[in-house]
Amino acid sequence: MTATTPPGPSGGRWTDRLLAEGNDPDPRFTMANERTFLAWIRTALALIAGGIGLALAGDLIESPLRQVLAVGFAAGGALVAALAFRRWLRTERALRHAETLPPPALAPVIAYGLAGAAIILLVALLVTR
């Protein structure tokens, strides 16, 4: 099945350009791609909320380290949100062209980043208490 509606007069919009590419994939795959995108957005929101929580942690951790970790979590959340859309778009294009799906570049960034932040946080808690 091909795209049912060709790009309209506003063919410069990214959605029109995307829908004009390739064939419509099975809707189940498109919806699964959207659910994955929303899961990454939830992860980004959790990282931002964690940064806010750390910023407001008070005497739990010394101020300079607390602020660095808070900014790191918030910046990580912003990065994940931005990369989530890029991942969704790349996956959607691959689905429309029946190509191999791109590897999840966000997964190692999140995994190693959270592991590093957790170790720093644990060491800071153990040292200050």
N, C-alpha and C. Protein backbone atom coordinates (compact mmCIF):
# COMPACT_ATOMS: atom_id res chain seq x y z
N MET A 1 0.86 -1.17 0.00
CA MET A 1 0.00 0.00 0.00
C MET A 1 0.90 1.23 0.00
N THR A 2 0.59 2.21 -0.78
CA THR A 2 1.37 3.44 -0.84
C THR A 2 0.67 4.53 -0.07
N ALA A 3 1.37 5.64 0.09
CA ALA A 3 0.78 6.78 0.80
C ALA A 3 -0.51 7.17 0.09
N THR A 4 -1.59 7.32 0.85
CA THR A 4 -2.90 7.56 0.25
C THR A 4 -3.11 9.01 -0.15
N THR A 5 -2.43 9.93 0.51
CA THR A 5 -2.60 11.33 0.17
C THR A 5 -1.24 11.92 -0.17
N PRO A 6 -1.10 12.46 -1.36
CA PRO A 6 0.17 13.08 -1.71
C PRO A 6 0.35 14.37 -0.93
N PRO A 7 1.57 14.85 -0.83
CA PRO A 7 1.79 16.10 -0.13
C PRO A 7 0.98 17.22 -0.77
N GLY A 8 0.37 18.03 0.09
CA GLY A 8 -0.44 19.15 -0.39
C GLY A 8 0.42 20.33 -0.76
N PRO A 9 -0.21 21.50 -0.85
CA PRO A 9 0.53 22.69 -1.23
C PRO A 9 1.62 23.05 -0.24
N SER A 10 1.47 22.63 1.01
CA SER A 10 2.51 22.91 2.01
C SER A 10 3.49 21.76 2.06
N GLY A 11 3.94 21.28 0.90
CA GLY A 11 4.80 20.11 0.81
C GLY A 11 6.15 20.29 1.48
N GLY A 12 6.45 21.47 2.02
CA GLY A 12 7.70 21.70 2.70
C GLY A 12 7.68 21.20 4.14
N ARG A 13 6.51 20.83 4.65
CA ARG A 13 6.44 20.34 6.03
C ARG A 13 7.08 18.96 6.12
N TRP A 14 7.71 18.68 7.24
CA TRP A 14 8.42 17.41 7.39
C TRP A 14 7.45 16.23 7.34
N THR A 15 6.22 16.41 7.82
CA THR A 15 5.27 15.30 7.79
C THR A 15 4.89 14.95 6.35
N ASP A 16 4.70 15.97 5.51
CA ASP A 16 4.38 15.71 4.11
C ASP A 16 5.53 15.01 3.41
N ARG A 17 6.74 15.44 3.69
CA ARG A 17 7.91 14.80 3.07
C ARG A 17 8.04 13.35 3.52
N LEU A 18 7.79 13.10 4.81
CA LEU A 18 7.89 11.73 5.33
C LEU A 18 6.84 10.83 4.69
N LEU A 19 5.60 11.30 4.62
CA LEU A 19 4.53 10.47 4.08
C LEU A 19 4.69 10.23 2.58
N ALA A 20 5.43 11.08 1.90
CA ALA A 20 5.67 10.90 0.46
C ALA A 20 6.74 9.84 0.19
N GLU A 21 7.48 9.46 1.20
CA GLU A 21 8.56 8.48 1.03
C GLU A 21 8.02 7.06 1.10
N GLY A 22 8.51 6.21 0.27
CA GLY A 22 8.26 4.78 0.36
C GLY A 22 6.79 4.40 0.42
N ASN A 23 6.52 3.28 1.08
CA ASN A 23 5.17 2.74 1.23
C ASN A 23 4.74 2.83 2.68
N ASP A 24 3.43 2.86 2.88
CA ASP A 24 2.92 2.84 4.25
C ASP A 24 3.26 1.50 4.89
N PRO A 25 3.91 1.51 6.05
CA PRO A 25 4.19 0.24 6.73
C PRO A 25 2.92 -0.28 7.42
N ASP A 26 3.00 -1.49 7.89
CA ASP A 26 1.91 -2.05 8.67
C ASP A 26 1.65 -1.11 9.85
N PRO A 27 0.40 -0.71 10.09
CA PRO A 27 0.12 0.23 11.18
C PRO A 27 0.61 -0.24 12.54
N ARG A 28 0.67 -1.55 12.74
CA ARG A 28 1.16 -2.06 14.02
C ARG A 28 2.60 -1.64 14.27
N PHE A 29 3.41 -1.63 13.21
CA PHE A 29 4.81 -1.24 13.36
C PHE A 29 4.94 0.25 13.61
N THR A 30 4.13 1.03 12.92
CA THR A 30 4.14 2.48 13.14
C THR A 30 3.71 2.81 14.57
N MET A 31 2.68 2.14 15.05
CA MET A 31 2.22 2.39 16.42
C MET A 31 3.26 1.92 17.45
N ALA A 32 3.93 0.82 17.17
CA ALA A 32 4.98 0.36 18.07
C ALA A 32 6.12 1.37 18.11
N ASN A 33 6.45 1.95 16.95
CA ASN A 33 7.49 2.97 16.89
C ASN A 33 7.07 4.19 17.72
N GLU A 34 5.79 4.55 17.63
CA GLU A 34 5.30 5.69 18.41
C GLU A 34 5.34 5.39 19.91
N ARG A 35 4.99 4.17 20.30
CA ARG A 35 5.05 3.81 21.72
C ARG A 35 6.48 3.86 22.24
N THR A 36 7.43 3.44 21.41
CA THR A 36 8.83 3.51 21.81
C THR A 36 9.27 4.97 21.97
N PHE A 37 8.84 5.82 21.05
CA PHE A 37 9.13 7.25 21.15
C PHE A 37 8.58 7.80 22.47
N LEU A 38 7.34 7.45 22.79
CA LEU A 38 6.74 7.96 24.03
C LEU A 38 7.46 7.41 25.27
N ALA A 39 7.98 6.19 25.19
CA ALA A 39 8.75 5.65 26.31
C ALA A 39 10.03 6.45 26.51
N TRP A 40 10.69 6.85 25.42
CA TRP A 40 11.89 7.68 25.54
C TRP A 40 11.53 9.05 26.10
N ILE A 41 10.37 9.59 25.73
CA ILE A 41 9.95 10.88 26.27
C ILE A 41 9.68 10.75 27.77
N ARG A 42 9.07 9.65 28.20
CA ARG A 42 8.88 9.43 29.64
C ARG A 42 10.22 9.34 30.36
N THR A 43 11.19 8.70 29.74
CA THR A 43 12.52 8.62 30.33
C THR A 43 13.13 10.01 30.45
N ALA A 44 12.96 10.83 29.41
CA ALA A 44 13.49 12.20 29.45
C ALA A 44 12.83 12.99 30.58
N LEU A 45 11.52 12.87 30.72
CA LEU A 45 10.82 13.57 31.80
C LEU A 45 11.29 13.10 33.17
N ALA A 46 11.53 11.80 33.31
CA ALA A 46 12.03 11.27 34.58
C ALA A 46 13.42 11.82 34.90
N LEU A 47 14.28 11.92 33.89
CA LEU A 47 15.61 12.48 34.12
C LEU A 47 15.52 13.95 34.53
N ILE A 48 14.66 14.71 33.88
CA ILE A 48 14.49 16.12 34.23
C ILE A 48 13.93 16.24 35.65
N ALA A 49 12.94 15.41 35.99
CA ALA A 49 12.39 15.43 37.34
C ALA A 49 13.44 15.02 38.37
N GLY A 50 14.29 14.06 38.02
CA GLY A 50 15.38 13.69 38.91
C GLY A 50 16.35 14.83 39.13
N GLY A 51 16.62 15.59 38.07
CA GLY A 51 17.48 16.76 38.21
C GLY A 51 16.87 17.80 39.12
N ILE A 52 15.57 18.03 38.99
CA ILE A 52 14.89 18.99 39.86
C ILE A 52 14.91 18.49 41.30
N GLY A 53 14.67 17.20 41.48
CA GLY A 53 14.71 16.62 42.82
C GLY A 53 16.08 16.76 43.46
N LEU A 54 17.12 16.51 42.69
CA LEU A 54 18.47 16.68 43.22
C LEU A 54 18.76 18.13 43.56
N ALA A 55 18.29 19.04 42.72
CA ALA A 55 18.53 20.47 42.99
C ALA A 55 17.87 20.90 44.29
N LEU A 56 16.76 20.26 44.63
CA LEU A 56 16.02 20.63 45.84
C LEU A 56 16.33 19.72 47.03
N ALA A 57 17.35 18.87 46.89
CA ALA A 57 17.64 17.87 47.91
C ALA A 57 18.16 18.47 49.22
N GLY A 58 18.52 19.71 49.23
CA GLY A 58 18.96 20.35 50.47
C GLY A 58 20.28 19.81 50.96
N ASP A 59 20.28 19.32 52.21
CA ASP A 59 21.51 18.88 52.86
C ASP A 59 21.88 17.44 52.56
N LEU A 60 21.16 16.79 51.68
CA LEU A 60 21.43 15.38 51.38
C LEU A 60 22.83 15.20 50.78
N ILE A 61 23.21 16.11 49.88
CA ILE A 61 24.52 16.07 49.22
C ILE A 61 25.06 17.49 49.23
N GLU A 62 26.37 17.61 49.31
CA GLU A 62 26.99 18.94 49.30
C GLU A 62 26.62 19.71 48.03
N SER A 63 26.54 21.02 48.16
CA SER A 63 25.99 21.87 47.11
C SER A 63 26.68 21.77 45.75
N PRO A 64 27.99 21.87 45.63
CA PRO A 64 28.55 21.86 44.26
C PRO A 64 28.25 20.56 43.52
N LEU A 65 28.42 19.43 44.20
CA LEU A 65 28.16 18.14 43.56
C LEU A 65 26.67 17.99 43.25
N ARG A 66 25.83 18.42 44.16
CA ARG A 66 24.38 18.33 43.96
C ARG A 66 23.97 19.13 42.71
N GLN A 67 24.53 20.33 42.57
CA GLN A 67 24.18 21.15 41.42
C GLN A 67 24.70 20.56 40.12
N VAL A 68 25.89 20.01 40.15
CA VAL A 68 26.45 19.38 38.95
C VAL A 68 25.59 18.18 38.54
N LEU A 69 25.22 17.34 39.51
CA LEU A 69 24.38 16.19 39.19
C LEU A 69 23.00 16.63 38.71
N ALA A 70 22.43 17.67 39.32
CA ALA A 70 21.12 18.15 38.91
C ALA A 70 21.15 18.66 37.47
N VAL A 71 22.17 19.44 37.15
CA VAL A 71 22.30 19.94 35.78
C VAL A 71 22.55 18.78 34.82
N GLY A 72 23.35 17.81 35.23
CA GLY A 72 23.62 16.65 34.39
C GLY A 72 22.36 15.86 34.08
N PHE A 73 21.54 15.63 35.10
CA PHE A 73 20.29 14.90 34.88
C PHE A 73 19.35 15.68 33.97
N ALA A 74 19.20 16.98 34.23
CA ALA A 74 18.31 17.80 33.41
C ALA A 74 18.81 17.88 31.97
N ALA A 75 20.11 18.06 31.78
CA ALA A 75 20.67 18.11 30.43
C ALA A 75 20.54 16.75 29.75
N GLY A 76 20.72 15.69 30.51
CA GLY A 76 20.52 14.35 29.95
C GLY A 76 19.09 14.15 29.49
N GLY A 77 18.14 14.66 30.26
CA GLY A 77 16.74 14.57 29.87
C GLY A 77 16.46 15.33 28.59
N ALA A 78 17.06 16.51 28.47
CA ALA A 78 16.88 17.30 27.24
C ALA A 78 17.49 16.57 26.05
N LEU A 79 18.65 15.97 26.24
CA LEU A 79 19.31 15.23 25.17
C LEU A 79 18.48 14.03 24.73
N VAL A 80 17.95 13.29 25.71
CA VAL A 80 17.13 12.13 25.40
C VAL A 80 15.88 12.55 24.63
N ALA A 81 15.25 13.64 25.05
CA ALA A 81 14.05 14.11 24.35
C ALA A 81 14.37 14.46 22.89
N ALA A 82 15.48 15.14 22.67
CA ALA A 82 15.85 15.53 21.31
C ALA A 82 16.20 14.30 20.47
N LEU A 83 16.94 13.37 21.04
CA LEU A 83 17.35 12.19 20.29
C LEU A 83 16.19 11.22 20.08
N ALA A 84 15.18 11.27 20.94
CA ALA A 84 14.02 10.38 20.79
C ALA A 84 13.30 10.66 19.49
N PHE A 85 13.13 11.94 19.17
CA PHE A 85 12.46 12.26 17.91
C PHE A 85 13.31 11.82 16.73
N ARG A 86 14.60 12.03 16.81
CA ARG A 86 15.50 11.61 15.72
C ARG A 86 15.40 10.10 15.51
N ARG A 87 15.36 9.36 16.61
CA ARG A 87 15.25 7.91 16.52
C ARG A 87 13.91 7.51 15.89
N TRP A 88 12.83 8.17 16.34
CA TRP A 88 11.51 7.86 15.79
C TRP A 88 11.50 8.09 14.29
N LEU A 89 12.06 9.22 13.85
CA LEU A 89 12.06 9.58 12.43
C LEU A 89 12.89 8.59 11.62
N ARG A 90 14.07 8.23 12.10
CA ARG A 90 14.91 7.27 11.39
C ARG A 90 14.24 5.91 11.28
N THR A 91 13.59 5.49 12.37
CA THR A 91 12.90 4.20 12.35
C THR A 91 11.70 4.24 11.41
N GLU A 92 10.95 5.33 11.44
CA GLU A 92 9.79 5.46 10.55
C GLU A 92 10.22 5.43 9.09
N ARG A 93 11.32 6.11 8.77
CA ARG A 93 11.83 6.08 7.38
C ARG A 93 12.25 4.67 6.99
N ALA A 94 12.93 3.98 7.90
CA ALA A 94 13.35 2.60 7.60
C ALA A 94 12.13 1.71 7.37
N LEU A 95 11.10 1.88 8.18
CA LEU A 95 9.88 1.09 8.00
C LEU A 95 9.24 1.39 6.64
N ARG A 96 9.20 2.66 6.26
CA ARG A 96 8.56 3.05 5.00
C ARG A 96 9.33 2.54 3.78
N HIS A 97 10.64 2.32 3.93
CA HIS A 97 11.47 1.84 2.82
C HIS A 97 11.79 0.34 2.95
N ALA A 98 11.19 -0.33 3.94
CA ALA A 98 11.42 -1.76 4.19
C ALA A 98 12.91 -2.06 4.35
N GLU A 99 13.60 -1.20 5.10
CA GLU A 99 15.02 -1.36 5.36
C GLU A 99 15.24 -1.88 6.77
N THR A 100 16.46 -2.27 7.04
CA THR A 100 16.83 -2.70 8.39
C THR A 100 16.67 -1.51 9.34
N LEU A 101 16.13 -1.77 10.51
CA LEU A 101 15.93 -0.70 11.48
C LEU A 101 17.27 -0.22 12.03
N PRO A 102 17.38 1.08 12.30
CA PRO A 102 18.64 1.60 12.83
C PRO A 102 18.88 1.10 14.25
N PRO A 103 20.14 0.94 14.64
CA PRO A 103 20.42 0.47 16.01
C PRO A 103 20.03 1.55 17.02
N PRO A 104 19.68 1.13 18.23
CA PRO A 104 19.26 2.09 19.26
C PRO A 104 20.47 2.83 19.86
N ALA A 105 20.80 3.96 19.30
CA ALA A 105 21.96 4.72 19.77
C ALA A 105 21.74 5.32 21.16
N LEU A 106 20.49 5.51 21.54
CA LEU A 106 20.21 6.10 22.86
C LEU A 106 20.47 5.13 24.01
N ALA A 107 20.28 3.86 23.78
CA ALA A 107 20.37 2.88 24.86
C ALA A 107 21.71 2.89 25.59
N PRO A 108 22.84 2.82 24.90
CA PRO A 108 24.10 2.84 25.65
C PRO A 108 24.36 4.17 26.34
N VAL A 109 23.94 5.26 25.72
CA VAL A 109 24.12 6.58 26.35
C VAL A 109 23.39 6.63 27.68
N ILE A 110 22.14 6.20 27.67
CA ILE A 110 21.34 6.20 28.89
C ILE A 110 21.91 5.21 29.91
N ALA A 111 22.22 4.02 29.47
CA ALA A 111 22.70 2.99 30.40
C ALA A 111 24.01 3.41 31.08
N TYR A 112 24.99 3.82 30.29
CA TYR A 112 26.27 4.21 30.88
C TYR A 112 26.16 5.52 31.66
N GLY A 113 25.36 6.45 31.15
CA GLY A 113 25.17 7.72 31.85
C GLY A 113 24.53 7.53 33.22
N LEU A 114 23.47 6.74 33.27
CA LEU A 114 22.81 6.49 34.56
C LEU A 114 23.69 5.69 35.50
N ALA A 115 24.44 4.74 34.96
CA ALA A 115 25.34 3.97 35.82
C ALA A 115 26.41 4.87 36.42
N GLY A 116 26.98 5.75 35.60
CA GLY A 116 27.99 6.68 36.11
C GLY A 116 27.41 7.64 37.14
N ALA A 117 26.23 8.17 36.86
CA ALA A 117 25.59 9.10 37.81
C ALA A 117 25.25 8.39 39.11
N ALA A 118 24.79 7.15 39.02
CA ALA A 118 24.45 6.40 40.23
C ALA A 118 25.69 6.13 41.09
N ILE A 119 26.80 5.81 40.46
CA ILE A 119 28.04 5.58 41.20
C ILE A 119 28.51 6.87 41.88
N ILE A 120 28.47 7.97 41.16
CA ILE A 120 28.86 9.27 41.75
C ILE A 120 27.94 9.62 42.91
N LEU A 121 26.65 9.43 42.73
CA LEU A 121 25.68 9.73 43.79
C LEU A 121 25.90 8.83 45.00
N LEU A 122 26.13 7.55 44.78
CA LEU A 122 26.36 6.62 45.88
C LEU A 122 27.63 6.98 46.65
N VAL A 123 28.70 7.27 45.94
CA VAL A 123 29.95 7.65 46.59
C VAL A 123 29.76 8.95 47.39
N ALA A 124 29.05 9.91 46.81
CA ALA A 124 28.81 11.18 47.51
C ALA A 124 27.99 10.95 48.77
N LEU A 125 27.00 10.09 48.71
CA LEU A 125 26.18 9.81 49.90
C LEU A 125 27.00 9.10 50.98
N LEU A 126 27.83 8.15 50.55
CA LEU A 126 28.64 7.40 51.53
C LEU A 126 29.71 8.29 52.17
N VAL A 127 30.29 9.18 51.41
CA VAL A 127 31.36 10.04 51.91
C VAL A 127 30.81 11.10 52.86
N THR A 128 29.66 11.65 52.53
CA THR A 128 29.11 12.75 53.35
C THR A 128 28.38 12.27 54.59
N ARG A 129 28.06 11.01 54.70
CA ARG A 129 27.31 10.51 55.87
C ARG A 129 28.19 9.79 56.82
